Amino acid sequence: MATMNSQTLTERQKGLAACACLMAQGDLGRLEPAVRKALDNGVTINELKEAFSQLYAYTGFPRSLNALGVLNKVLENKQAGWQEGKPWTRPALWDDAEKALKQGTEVQTKLSGRPFDYTFCPQDDYYLKAHLFGDIFAGDQLTAADREIVTVAALSGLDGVGPQLAAHKQGAVNMGNSQQTVDELCEWLNSEGYTLRSAWPKGEPNSAYAQYFTGNSYLAPMDGVANVTFEPRCRNNWHIHHKAVQVLICVSGRGWYQEWGKEAVEMTPGTVIAIPAETKHWHGAAKDSWFQHLTYHKDTQPDASNEWLEPVTDEIYNKLK
């Protein structure tokens, strides 16, 4: 895993990735400032147009058009330093369907690392080869390496696309990015919160309890409950709630709950766990996902308290998948 200190990921790539990830989620509120920042950091207007257009193949026309609408709105107050970029020209490949299929097949083979024929559904096989990897990749606004940065970032923002994301992470390397850059991209998207897909508030840094957590957590007090957000790999220390039952309700992402001496229990949205008083346990995020849970206490007796214990070791945590 690349470290963030290596800085192989450029500010331009970060700009493209942030916009792609938020566009994929349909988060237009966060997309608008991300577009401004990307333009400030050297992404051109025409590169963003190309990225949002390409991603219709992965996220659908509605989100592609909405993202282009955000870009158009931002440009109503165009800043002097923003660059138009290379003028768009209509690819000649669009006028030759046979050549588009041939070239798209070559691009797909390079990206996949091997020939790929989806014989189960010939329609999709043709669309992938001739249209996505032929027509769309024929545009000259983005390099093939850029296109895979954009695609990995977009898929990172979506649920239920794990196999496609894994394939495109490798494809990003095959198309010219270093493994270090791809690893850093995914780490950066997680660390900056772009992959937090949730309607629940993230809250503020949980600084009062930071000493009892490995990694960063955030706290959003709500009416009668607290919403705790864990960044990927974040978990709290082993601890015990004396004379009170703690209830956890997962509302977003994926995480773990484990009692001392027992197997860890995976938590996904809708998972509810009531932790008996006097039970040594911990809870936190999975390695590759943000995690949010609501928490409250019940059956609270006089003199109830929390006892914080040792951190959950990497040896224990890294065994979890």
C-alpha atoms as a PDB file:
ATOM      1  CA  MET A   1       0.000   0.000   0.000  1.00  0.00           C
ATOM      2  CA  ALA A   2       1.366   3.373  -0.963  1.00  0.00           C
ATOM      3  CA  THR A   3       1.640   5.949   1.758  1.00  0.00           C
ATOM      4  CA  MET A   4       0.206   9.400   1.433  1.00  0.00           C
ATOM      5  CA  ASN A   5       3.699  10.824   1.951  1.00  0.00           C
ATOM      6  CA  SER A   6       4.865   9.448  -1.395  1.00  0.00           C
ATOM      7  CA  GLN A   7       2.742  12.018  -3.238  1.00  0.00           C
ATOM      8  CA  THR A   8       2.701  10.181  -6.561  1.00  0.00           C
ATOM      9  CA  LEU A   9      -0.894  11.326  -7.006  1.00  0.00           C
ATOM     10  CA  THR A  10      -0.939  14.831  -8.494  1.00  0.00           C
ATOM     11  CA  GLU A  11      -3.342  17.620  -7.564  1.00  0.00           C
ATOM     12  CA  ARG A  12      -4.789  17.381 -11.068  1.00  0.00           C
ATOM     13  CA  GLN A  13      -5.482  13.659 -10.628  1.00  0.00           C
ATOM     14  CA  LYS A  14      -7.049  14.345  -7.237  1.00  0.00           C
ATOM     15  CA  GLY A  15      -9.323  16.909  -8.849  1.00  0.00           C
ATOM     16  CA  LEU A  16     -10.491  14.498 -11.526  1.00  0.00           C
ATOM     17  CA  ALA A  17     -10.965  11.729  -8.957  1.00  0.00           C
ATOM     18  CA  ALA A  18     -12.955  13.836  -6.484  1.00  0.00           C
ATOM     19  CA  CYS A  19     -15.319  15.040  -9.201  1.00  0.00           C
ATOM     20  CA  ALA A  20     -15.767  11.527 -10.586  1.00  0.00           C
ATOM     21  CA  CYS A  21     -16.496  10.004  -7.171  1.00  0.00           C
ATOM     22  CA  LEU A  22     -19.061  12.655  -6.210  1.00  0.00           C
ATOM     23  CA  MET A  23     -20.651  12.593  -9.669  1.00  0.00           C
ATOM     24  CA  ALA A  24     -21.133   8.831  -9.370  1.00  0.00           C
ATOM     25  CA  GLN A  25     -22.936   9.282  -6.056  1.00  0.00           C
ATOM     26  CA  GLY A  26     -25.129  12.073  -7.414  1.00  0.00           C
ATOM     27  CA  ASP A  27     -23.888  14.329  -4.606  1.00  0.00           C
ATOM     28  CA  LEU A  28     -24.317  17.619  -6.433  1.00  0.00           C
ATOM     29  CA  GLY A  29     -23.923  19.711  -3.289  1.00  0.00           C
ATOM     30  CA  ARG A  30     -20.377  18.486  -2.735  1.00  0.00           C
ATOM     31  CA  LEU A  31     -19.643  18.262  -6.463  1.00  0.00           C
ATOM     32  CA  GLU A  32     -19.895  22.000  -7.077  1.00  0.00           C
ATOM     33  CA  PRO A  33     -17.003  23.017  -4.766  1.00  0.00           C
ATOM     34  CA  ALA A  34     -15.043  19.978  -5.974  1.00  0.00           C
ATOM     35  CA  VAL A  35     -15.383  21.219  -9.567  1.00  0.00           C
ATOM     36  CA  ARG A  36     -14.128  24.665  -8.543  1.00  0.00           C
ATOM     37  CA  LYS A  37     -11.158  23.143  -6.736  1.00  0.00           C
ATOM     38  CA  ALA A  38     -10.336  20.871  -9.686  1.00  0.00           C
ATOM     39  CA  LEU A  39     -10.313  23.850 -12.056  1.00  0.00           C
ATOM     40  CA  ASP A  40      -8.132  25.778  -9.592  1.00  0.00           C
ATOM     41  CA  ASN A  41      -5.679  22.843  -9.554  1.00  0.00           C
ATOM     42  CA  GLY A  42      -5.156  22.527 -13.290  1.00  0.00           C
ATOM     43  CA  VAL A  43      -7.960  20.287 -14.558  1.00  0.00           C
ATOM     44  CA  THR A  44      -9.275  21.895 -17.727  1.00  0.00           C
ATOM     45  CA  ILE A  45     -12.915  22.575 -18.515  1.00  0.00           C
ATOM     46  CA  ASN A  46     -12.840  20.219 -21.485  1.00  0.00           C
ATOM     47  CA  GLU A  47     -11.237  17.462 -19.407  1.00  0.00           C
ATOM     48  CA  LEU A  48     -14.123  17.655 -16.930  1.00  0.00           C
ATOM     49  CA  LYS A  49     -16.626  17.567 -19.789  1.00  0.00           C
ATOM     50  CA  GLU A  50     -14.917  14.461 -21.118  1.00  0.00           C
ATOM     51  CA  ALA A  51     -14.777  12.783 -17.710  1.00  0.00           C
ATOM     52  CA  PHE A  52     -18.477  13.399 -16.978  1.00  0.00           C
ATOM     53  CA  SER A  53     -19.395  12.239 -20.489  1.00  0.00           C
ATOM     54  CA  GLN A  54     -17.360   9.037 -20.210  1.00  0.00           C
ATOM     55  CA  LEU A  55     -18.912   8.178 -16.880  1.00  0.00           C
ATOM     56  CA  TYR A  56     -22.413   7.945 -18.287  1.00  0.00           C
ATOM     57  CA  ALA A  57     -21.305   4.441 -19.314  1.00  0.00           C
ATOM     58  CA  TYR A  58     -20.714   3.598 -15.639  1.00  0.00           C
ATOM     59  CA  THR A  59     -23.259   5.732 -13.773  1.00  0.00           C
ATOM     60  CA  GLY A  60     -26.011   6.462 -16.309  1.00  0.00           C
ATOM     61  CA  PHE A  61     -27.058   9.482 -18.351  1.00  0.00           C
ATOM     62  CA  PRO A  62     -28.986  11.217 -15.522  1.00  0.00           C
ATOM     63  CA  ARG A  63     -25.922  11.578 -13.306  1.00  0.00           C
ATOM     64  CA  SER A  64     -23.705  12.450 -16.264  1.00  0.00           C
ATOM     65  CA  LEU A  65     -26.068  15.220 -17.346  1.00  0.00           C
ATOM     66  CA  ASN A  66     -26.500  16.470 -13.782  1.00  0.00           C
ATOM     67  CA  ALA A  67     -22.727  16.718 -13.344  1.00  0.00           C
ATOM     68  CA  LEU A  68     -22.391  18.598 -16.625  1.00  0.00           C
ATOM     69  CA  GLY A  69     -25.122  20.908 -15.360  1.00  0.00           C
ATOM     70  CA  VAL A  70     -23.071  21.604 -12.224  1.00  0.00           C
ATOM     71  CA  LEU A  71     -20.018  22.379 -14.370  1.00  0.00           C
ATOM     72  CA  ASN A  72     -22.092  24.713 -16.530  1.00  0.00           C
ATOM     73  CA  LYS A  73     -23.370  26.505 -13.423  1.00  0.00           C
ATOM     74  CA  VAL A  74     -19.843  26.897 -12.034  1.00  0.00           C
ATOM     75  CA  LEU A  75     -18.710  28.418 -15.331  1.00  0.00           C
ATOM     76  CA  GLU A  76     -21.287  31.191 -14.998  1.00  0.00           C
ATOM     77  CA  ASN A  77     -18.690  32.727 -12.674  1.00  0.00           C
ATOM     78  CA  LYS A  78     -15.615  31.627 -14.606  1.00  0.00           C
ATOM     79  CA  GLN A  79     -12.326  32.537 -12.954  1.00  0.00           C
ATOM     80  CA  ALA A  80      -9.391  33.985 -14.867  1.00  0.00           C
ATOM     81  CA  GLY A  81      -7.041  31.104 -14.079  1.00  0.00           C
ATOM     82  CA  TRP A  82      -9.332  28.347 -15.302  1.00  0.00           C
ATOM     83  CA  GLN A  83      -8.201  26.762 -18.557  1.00  0.00           C
ATOM     84  CA  GLU A  84     -10.459  25.774 -21.444  1.00  0.00           C
ATOM     85  CA  GLY A  85      -7.984  23.119 -22.508  1.00  0.00           C
ATOM     86  CA  LYS A  86      -7.538  21.392 -25.822  1.00  0.00           C
ATOM     87  CA  PRO A  87     -10.431  22.167 -28.216  1.00  0.00           C
ATOM     88  CA  TRP A  88     -12.829  19.259 -28.614  1.00  0.00           C
ATOM     89  CA  THR A  89     -12.807  17.581 -32.019  1.00  0.00           C
ATOM     90  CA  ARG A  90     -15.130  14.874 -33.262  1.00  0.00           C
ATOM     91  CA  PRO A  91     -13.198  11.571 -33.371  1.00  0.00           C
ATOM     92  CA  ALA A  92     -12.874  10.212 -36.903  1.00  0.00           C
ATOM     93  CA  LEU A  93     -13.456   6.751 -35.435  1.00  0.00           C
ATOM     94  CA  TRP A  94     -17.135   7.621 -34.984  1.00  0.00           C
ATOM     95  CA  ASP A  95     -17.596   7.389 -38.732  1.00  0.00           C
ATOM     96  CA  ASP A  96     -16.279   3.829 -38.997  1.00  0.00           C
ATOM     97  CA  ALA A  97     -18.182   1.283 -36.908  1.00  0.00           C
ATOM     98  CA  GLU A  98     -15.958  -1.595 -37.970  1.00  0.00           C
ATOM     99  CA  LYS A  99     -12.814   0.274 -36.972  1.00  0.00           C
ATOM    100  CA  ALA A 100     -14.400   1.328 -33.656  1.00  0.00           C
ATOM    101  CA  LEU A 101     -15.126  -2.312 -32.832  1.00  0.00           C
ATOM    102  CA  LYS A 102     -11.572  -3.361 -33.749  1.00  0.00           C
ATOM    103  CA  GLN A 103      -9.887  -0.546 -31.818  1.00  0.00           C
ATOM    104  CA  GLY A 104     -12.223  -0.940 -28.852  1.00  0.00           C
ATOM    105  CA  THR A 105     -11.453  -4.650 -28.673  1.00  0.00           C
ATOM    106  CA  GLU A 106      -7.731  -3.859 -28.571  1.00  0.00           C
ATOM    107  CA  VAL A 107      -8.216  -1.283 -25.810  1.00  0.00           C
ATOM    108  CA  GLN A 108     -10.393  -3.665 -23.797  1.00  0.00           C
ATOM    109  CA  THR A 109      -7.820  -6.456 -24.140  1.00  0.00           C
ATOM    110  CA  LYS A 110      -5.017  -4.191 -22.922  1.00  0.00           C
ATOM    111  CA  LEU A 111      -7.107  -2.903 -20.017  1.00  0.00           C
ATOM    112  CA  SER A 112      -8.242  -6.392 -18.983  1.00  0.00           C
ATOM    113  CA  GLY A 113      -4.863  -7.978 -19.518  1.00  0.00           C
ATOM    114  CA  ARG A 114      -6.441 -10.614 -21.727  1.00  0.00           C
ATOM    115  CA  PRO A 115      -9.127 -10.985 -24.402  1.00  0.00           C
ATOM    116  CA  PHE A 116     -12.621 -10.699 -22.976  1.00  0.00           C
ATOM    117  CA  ASP A 117     -15.746 -11.907 -24.742  1.00  0.00           C
ATOM    118  CA  TYR A 118     -19.076 -11.644 -22.942  1.00  0.00           C
ATOM    119  CA  THR A 119     -20.844 -14.363 -24.916  1.00  0.00           C
ATOM    120  CA  PHE A 120     -23.691 -14.566 -22.396  1.00  0.00           C
ATOM    121  CA  CYS A 121     -24.979 -11.201 -23.669  1.00  0.00           C
ATOM    122  CA  PRO A 122     -23.674 -10.253 -27.137  1.00  0.00           C
ATOM    123  CA  GLN A 123     -25.359  -6.845 -26.910  1.00  0.00           C
ATOM    124  CA  ASP A 124     -23.312  -5.816 -23.883  1.00  0.00           C
ATOM    125  CA  ASP A 125     -20.189  -7.333 -25.421  1.00  0.00           C
ATOM    126  CA  TYR A 126     -20.630  -5.094 -28.473  1.00  0.00           C
ATOM    127  CA  TYR A 127     -21.445  -1.984 -26.443  1.00  0.00           C
ATOM    128  CA  LEU A 128     -18.337  -2.491 -24.307  1.00  0.00           C
ATOM    129  CA  LYS A 129     -16.028  -3.030 -27.246  1.00  0.00           C
ATOM    130  CA  ALA A 130     -17.373  -0.685 -29.920  1.00  0.00           C
ATOM    131  CA  HIS A 131     -18.910   2.076 -27.847  1.00  0.00           C
ATOM    132  CA  LEU A 132     -17.197   2.345 -24.451  1.00  0.00           C
ATOM    133  CA  PHE A 133     -13.660   1.280 -25.377  1.00  0.00           C
ATOM    134  CA  GLY A 134     -14.029   2.312 -29.026  1.00  0.00           C
ATOM    135  CA  ASP A 135     -16.094   5.488 -29.404  1.00  0.00           C
ATOM    136  CA  ILE A 136     -15.613   6.949 -25.928  1.00  0.00           C
ATOM    137  CA  PHE A 137     -11.921   6.123 -25.543  1.00  0.00           C
ATOM    138  CA  ALA A 138     -11.302   7.653 -29.004  1.00  0.00           C
ATOM    139  CA  GLY A 139     -11.647  11.136 -27.498  1.00  0.00           C
ATOM    140  CA  ASP A 140      -8.342  12.923 -27.004  1.00  0.00           C
ATOM    141  CA  GLN A 141      -9.165  15.068 -23.959  1.00  0.00           C
ATOM    142  CA  LEU A 142      -8.008  12.422 -21.491  1.00  0.00           C
ATOM    143  CA  THR A 143      -5.291   9.797 -21.734  1.00  0.00           C
ATOM    144  CA  ALA A 144      -6.147   6.148 -21.186  1.00  0.00           C
ATOM    145  CA  ALA A 145      -4.404   6.385 -17.803  1.00  0.00           C
ATOM    146  CA  ASP A 146      -6.537   9.409 -16.880  1.00  0.00           C
ATOM    147  CA  ARG A 147      -9.699   7.589 -17.928  1.00  0.00           C
ATOM    148  CA  GLU A 148      -8.955   4.739 -15.549  1.00  0.00           C
ATOM    149  CA  ILE A 149      -8.237   7.158 -12.675  1.00  0.00           C
ATOM    150  CA  VAL A 150     -11.681   8.618 -13.355  1.00  0.00           C
ATOM    151  CA  THR A 151     -13.316   5.188 -13.583  1.00  0.00           C
ATOM    152  CA  VAL A 152     -11.725   3.820 -10.395  1.00  0.00           C
ATOM    153  CA  ALA A 153     -12.776   6.962  -8.521  1.00  0.00           C
ATOM    154  CA  ALA A 154     -16.348   6.735  -9.788  1.00  0.00           C
ATOM    155  CA  LEU A 155     -16.712   3.041  -8.952  1.00  0.00           C
ATOM    156  CA  SER A 156     -15.246   3.721  -5.493  1.00  0.00           C
ATOM    157  CA  GLY A 157     -18.263   5.931  -4.865  1.00  0.00           C
ATOM    158  CA  LEU A 158     -20.821   3.246  -5.709  1.00  0.00           C
ATOM    159  CA  ASP A 159     -22.226   0.321  -3.747  1.00  0.00           C
ATOM    160  CA  GLY A 160     -22.415  -3.179  -5.175  1.00  0.00           C
ATOM    161  CA  VAL A 161     -19.676  -2.872  -7.816  1.00  0.00           C
ATOM    162  CA  GLY A 162     -16.812  -4.621  -6.024  1.00  0.00           C
ATOM    163  CA  PRO A 163     -15.820  -6.937  -8.920  1.00  0.00           C
ATOM    164  CA  GLN A 164     -15.822  -4.071 -11.424  1.00  0.00           C
ATOM    165  CA  LEU A 165     -13.813  -1.849  -9.078  1.00  0.00           C
ATOM    166  CA  ALA A 166     -11.212  -4.580  -8.559  1.00  0.00           C
ATOM    167  CA  ALA A 167     -10.951  -5.118 -12.325  1.00  0.00           C
ATOM    168  CA  HIS A 168     -10.479  -1.426 -13.032  1.00  0.00           C
ATOM    169  CA  LYS A 169      -7.856  -1.031 -10.300  1.00  0.00           C
ATOM    170  CA  GLN A 170      -5.781  -3.545 -12.246  1.00  0.00           C
ATOM    171  CA  GLY A 171      -6.891  -1.940 -15.489  1.00  0.00           C
ATOM    172  CA  ALA A 172      -5.610   1.417 -14.278  1.00  0.00           C
ATOM    173  CA  VAL A 173      -2.150  -0.136 -13.949  1.00  0.00           C
ATOM    174  CA  ASN A 174      -2.423  -1.839 -17.328  1.00  0.00           C
ATOM    175  CA  MET A 175      -3.274   1.511 -18.926  1.00  0.00           C
ATOM    176  CA  GLY A 176      -0.193   3.285 -17.610  1.00  0.00           C
ATOM    177  CA  ASN A 177      -0.637   4.219 -13.953  1.00  0.00           C
ATOM    178  CA  SER A 178       1.750   2.829 -11.374  1.00  0.00           C
ATOM    179  CA  GLN A 179       0.428   0.444  -8.726  1.00  0.00           C
ATOM    180  CA  GLN A 180       1.569   2.980  -6.158  1.00  0.00           C
ATOM    181  CA  THR A 181      -0.558   5.699  -7.757  1.00  0.00           C
ATOM    182  CA  VAL A 182      -3.645   3.479  -7.817  1.00  0.00           C
ATOM    183  CA  ASP A 183      -3.161   2.450  -4.190  1.00  0.00           C
ATOM    184  CA  GLU A 184      -2.653   6.061  -3.199  1.00  0.00           C
ATOM    185  CA  LEU A 185      -5.756   7.108  -5.132  1.00  0.00           C
ATOM    186  CA  CYS A 186      -7.953   4.662  -3.227  1.00  0.00           C
ATOM    187  CA  GLU A 187      -6.386   5.596   0.100  1.00  0.00           C
ATOM    188  CA  TRP A 188      -6.840   9.298  -0.630  1.00  0.00           C
ATOM    189  CA  LEU A 189     -10.506   8.912  -1.614  1.00  0.00           C
ATOM    190  CA  ASN A 190     -11.117   7.085   1.668  1.00  0.00           C
ATOM    191  CA  SER A 191      -9.113   9.451   3.844  1.00  0.00           C
ATOM    192  CA  GLU A 192     -10.814  12.541   2.397  1.00  0.00           C
ATOM    193  CA  GLY A 193     -14.279  11.052   2.940  1.00  0.00           C
ATOM    194  CA  TYR A 194     -15.289  10.897  -0.719  1.00  0.00           C
ATOM    195  CA  THR A 195     -16.244   7.233  -0.387  1.00  0.00           C
ATOM    196  CA  LEU A 196     -18.509   7.907   2.621  1.00  0.00           C
ATOM    197  CA  ARG A 197     -21.910   7.193   1.077  1.00  0.00           C
ATOM    198  CA  SER A 198     -24.417   8.227   3.681  1.00  0.00           C
ATOM    199  CA  ALA A 199     -27.405  10.443   4.341  1.00  0.00           C
ATOM    200  CA  TRP A 200     -26.398  10.555   8.008  1.00  0.00           C
ATOM    201  CA  PRO A 201     -24.248  13.421   9.296  1.00  0.00           C
ATOM    202  CA  LYS A 202     -20.523  12.748   9.582  1.00  0.00           C
ATOM    203  CA  GLY A 203     -20.187  15.056  12.576  1.00  0.00           C
ATOM    204  CA  GLU A 204     -17.091  16.671  14.006  1.00  0.00           C
ATOM    205  CA  PRO A 205     -13.746  15.045  14.895  1.00  0.00           C
ATOM    206  CA  ASN A 206     -14.250  12.927  18.013  1.00  0.00           C
ATOM    207  CA  SER A 207     -11.315  14.623  19.717  1.00  0.00           C
ATOM    208  CA  ALA A 208     -12.529  14.080  23.286  1.00  0.00           C
ATOM    209  CA  TYR A 209     -12.198  10.313  22.826  1.00  0.00           C
ATOM    210  CA  ALA A 210      -9.374  10.235  20.260  1.00  0.00           C
ATOM    211  CA  GLN A 211      -7.029   8.568  22.748  1.00  0.00           C
ATOM    212  CA  TYR A 212      -9.307   5.521  22.788  1.00  0.00           C
ATOM    213  CA  PHE A 213      -9.408   5.084  18.995  1.00  0.00           C
ATOM    214  CA  THR A 214      -7.001   3.789  16.369  1.00  0.00           C
ATOM    215  CA  GLY A 215      -7.587   6.082  13.386  1.00  0.00           C
ATOM    216  CA  ASN A 216     -10.012   8.961  13.046  1.00  0.00           C
ATOM    217  CA  SER A 217     -13.612   8.955  14.226  1.00  0.00           C
ATOM    218  CA  TYR A 218     -16.320  11.603  14.130  1.00  0.00           C
ATOM    219  CA  LEU A 219     -19.267  12.290  16.415  1.00  0.00           C
ATOM    220  CA  ALA A 220     -22.679  13.742  15.569  1.00  0.00           C
ATOM    221  CA  PRO A 221     -24.904  14.006  18.667  1.00  0.00           C
ATOM    222  CA  MET A 222     -28.584  13.529  17.840  1.00  0.00           C
ATOM    223  CA  ASP A 223     -31.810  13.451  19.804  1.00  0.00           C
ATOM    224  CA  GLY A 224     -31.268  10.683  22.347  1.00  0.00           C
ATOM    225  CA  VAL A 225     -28.574   8.919  20.322  1.00  0.00           C
ATOM    226  CA  ALA A 226     -25.137   9.575  18.906  1.00  0.00           C
ATOM    227  CA  ASN A 227     -24.011   8.908  15.347  1.00  0.00           C
ATOM    228  CA  VAL A 228     -20.391   7.759  15.292  1.00  0.00           C
ATOM    229  CA  THR A 229     -18.495   7.694  11.996  1.00  0.00           C
ATOM    230  CA  PHE A 230     -15.321   5.633  11.580  1.00  0.00           C
ATOM    231  CA  GLU A 231     -12.909   6.108   8.702  1.00  0.00           C
ATOM    232  CA  PRO A 232     -11.624   2.897   7.044  1.00  0.00           C
ATOM    233  CA  ARG A 233      -9.528   0.833   9.516  1.00  0.00           C
ATOM    234  CA  CYS A 234     -10.600   2.997  12.461  1.00  0.00           C
ATOM    235  CA  ARG A 235     -11.727   1.125  15.581  1.00  0.00           C
ATOM    236  CA  ASN A 236     -12.073   1.876  19.243  1.00  0.00           C
ATOM    237  CA  ASN A 237     -10.134   0.160  22.011  1.00  0.00           C
ATOM    238  CA  TRP A 238     -11.417  -2.827  23.883  1.00  0.00           C
ATOM    239  CA  HIS A 239     -13.803  -1.463  26.484  1.00  0.00           C
ATOM    240  CA  ILE A 240     -16.547  -2.393  28.943  1.00  0.00           C
ATOM    241  CA  HIS A 241     -19.818  -0.664  29.740  1.00  0.00           C
ATOM    242  CA  HIS A 242     -20.466  -1.245  33.403  1.00  0.00           C
ATOM    243  CA  LYS A 243     -24.102  -1.332  34.576  1.00  0.00           C
ATOM    244  CA  ALA A 244     -25.513  -0.409  31.149  1.00  0.00           C
ATOM    245  CA  VAL A 245     -26.439  -2.091  27.871  1.00  0.00           C
ATOM    246  CA  GLN A 246     -25.056  -0.389  24.752  1.00  0.00           C
ATOM    247  CA  VAL A 247     -27.038  -0.667  21.523  1.00  0.00           C
ATOM    248  CA  LEU A 248     -25.356  -0.299  18.118  1.00  0.00           C
ATOM    249  CA  ILE A 249     -27.342   0.232  14.905  1.00  0.00           C
ATOM    250  CA  CYS A 250     -25.319   0.268  11.681  1.00  0.00           C
ATOM    251  CA  VAL A 251     -26.678   2.907   9.280  1.00  0.00           C
ATOM    252  CA  SER A 252     -23.928   3.142   6.656  1.00  0.00           C
ATOM    253  CA  GLY A 253     -20.870   1.315   5.372  1.00  0.00           C
ATOM    254  CA  ARG A 254     -19.395  -1.865   6.784  1.00  0.00           C
ATOM    255  CA  GLY A 255     -17.743  -2.586  10.099  1.00  0.00           C
ATOM    256  CA  TRP A 256     -17.088  -5.096  12.850  1.00  0.00           C
ATOM    257  CA  TYR A 257     -18.183  -5.851  16.394  1.00  0.00           C
ATOM    258  CA  GLN A 258     -16.263  -8.340  18.520  1.00  0.00           C
ATOM    259  CA  GLU A 259     -16.580  -9.604  22.070  1.00  0.00           C
ATOM    260  CA  TRP A 260     -13.547 -10.878  23.952  1.00  0.00           C
ATOM    261  CA  GLY A 261     -12.949 -14.551  23.161  1.00  0.00           C
ATOM    262  CA  LYS A 262     -15.518 -14.661  20.333  1.00  0.00           C
ATOM    263  CA  GLU A 263     -15.483 -14.319  16.554  1.00  0.00           C
ATOM    264  CA  ALA A 264     -16.033 -10.857  15.087  1.00  0.00           C
ATOM    265  CA  VAL A 265     -19.512 -10.063  13.734  1.00  0.00           C
ATOM    266  CA  GLU A 266     -19.819  -8.112  10.487  1.00  0.00           C
ATOM    267  CA  MET A 267     -22.048  -5.042  10.658  1.00  0.00           C
ATOM    268  CA  THR A 268     -23.846  -3.659   7.600  1.00  0.00           C
ATOM    269  CA  PRO A 269     -26.786  -1.250   7.354  1.00  0.00           C
ATOM    270  CA  GLY A 270     -29.634  -2.594   9.466  1.00  0.00           C
ATOM    271  CA  THR A 271     -27.466  -4.684  11.808  1.00  0.00           C
ATOM    272  CA  VAL A 272     -28.488  -4.135  15.438  1.00  0.00           C
ATOM    273  CA  ILE A 273     -26.408  -5.367  18.364  1.00  0.00           C
ATOM    274  CA  ALA A 274     -27.265  -5.054  22.047  1.00  0.00           C
ATOM    275  CA  ILE A 275     -24.077  -5.382  24.090  1.00  0.00           C
ATOM    276  CA  PRO A 276     -24.667  -6.814  27.564  1.00  0.00           C
ATOM    277  CA  ALA A 277     -23.266  -4.890  30.499  1.00  0.00           C
ATOM    278  CA  GLU A 278     -19.850  -6.048  31.728  1.00  0.00           C
ATOM    279  CA  THR A 279     -18.884  -7.384  28.263  1.00  0.00           C
ATOM    280  CA  LYS A 280     -15.404  -6.601  26.943  1.00  0.00           C
ATOM    281  CA  HIS A 281     -15.701  -5.661  23.275  1.00  0.00           C
ATOM    282  CA  TRP A 282     -14.726  -3.300  20.445  1.00  0.00           C
ATOM    283  CA  HIS A 283     -16.301  -2.010  17.239  1.00  0.00           C
ATOM    284  CA  GLY A 284     -15.033  -0.171  14.190  1.00  0.00           C
ATOM    285  CA  ALA A 285     -14.782   0.068  10.417  1.00  0.00           C
ATOM    286  CA  ALA A 286     -13.689  -2.523   7.891  1.00  0.00           C
ATOM    287  CA  LYS A 287     -10.353  -2.021   6.147  1.00  0.00           C
ATOM    288  CA  ASP A 288     -11.914  -0.772   2.926  1.00  0.00           C
ATOM    289  CA  SER A 289     -15.064   1.012   4.068  1.00  0.00           C
ATOM    290  CA  TRP A 290     -16.312   3.892   6.131  1.00  0.00           C
ATOM    291  CA  PHE A 291     -18.690   2.819   8.893  1.00  0.00           C
ATOM    292  CA  GLN A 292     -21.432   4.645  10.750  1.00  0.00           C
ATOM    293  CA  HIS A 293     -23.498   3.450  13.665  1.00  0.00           C
ATOM    294  CA  LEU A 294     -26.028   4.997  15.973  1.00  0.00           C
ATOM    295  CA  THR A 295     -25.468   4.216  19.625  1.00  0.00           C
ATOM    296  CA  TYR A 296     -27.347   4.653  22.861  1.00  0.00           C
ATOM    297  CA  HIS A 297     -27.520   3.041  26.295  1.00  0.00           C
ATOM    298  CA  LYS A 298     -30.449   1.330  27.955  1.00  0.00           C
ATOM    299  CA  ASP A 299     -31.101  -0.489  31.233  1.00  0.00           C
ATOM    300  CA  THR A 300     -28.739   2.007  32.790  1.00  0.00           C
ATOM    301  CA  GLN A 301     -28.185   1.536  36.509  1.00  0.00           C
ATOM    302  CA  PRO A 302     -26.821   3.990  39.079  1.00  0.00           C
ATOM    303  CA  ASP A 303     -23.065   4.494  38.848  1.00  0.00           C
ATOM    304  CA  ALA A 304     -22.913   3.257  35.236  1.00  0.00           C
ATOM    305  CA  SER A 305     -19.523   3.873  33.629  1.00  0.00           C
ATOM    306  CA  ASN A 306     -17.237   3.029  30.715  1.00  0.00           C
ATOM    307  CA  GLU A 307     -13.891   1.350  31.219  1.00  0.00           C
ATOM    308  CA  TRP A 308     -11.430   1.876  28.366  1.00  0.00           C
ATOM    309  CA  LEU A 309      -8.828  -0.835  27.877  1.00  0.00           C
ATOM    310  CA  GLU A 310      -6.006  -1.715  25.472  1.00  0.00           C
ATOM    311  CA  PRO A 311      -6.110  -1.016  21.708  1.00  0.00           C
ATOM    312  CA  VAL A 312      -7.179  -3.718  19.265  1.00  0.00           C
ATOM    313  CA  THR A 313      -3.896  -4.942  17.811  1.00  0.00           C
ATOM    314  CA  ASP A 314      -3.175  -5.061  14.085  1.00  0.00           C
ATOM    315  CA  GLU A 315      -2.696  -8.815  14.471  1.00  0.00           C
ATOM    316  CA  ILE A 316      -6.317  -9.197  15.547  1.00  0.00           C
ATOM    317  CA  TYR A 317      -7.729  -6.594  13.197  1.00  0.00           C
ATOM    318  CA  ASN A 318      -5.905  -7.691  10.043  1.00  0.00           C
ATOM    319  CA  LYS A 319      -7.414 -11.181  10.268  1.00  0.00           C
ATOM    320  CA  LEU A 320     -10.817  -9.671   9.459  1.00  0.00           C
ATOM    321  CA  LYS A 321     -11.896  -9.562   5.838  1.00  0.00           C
END
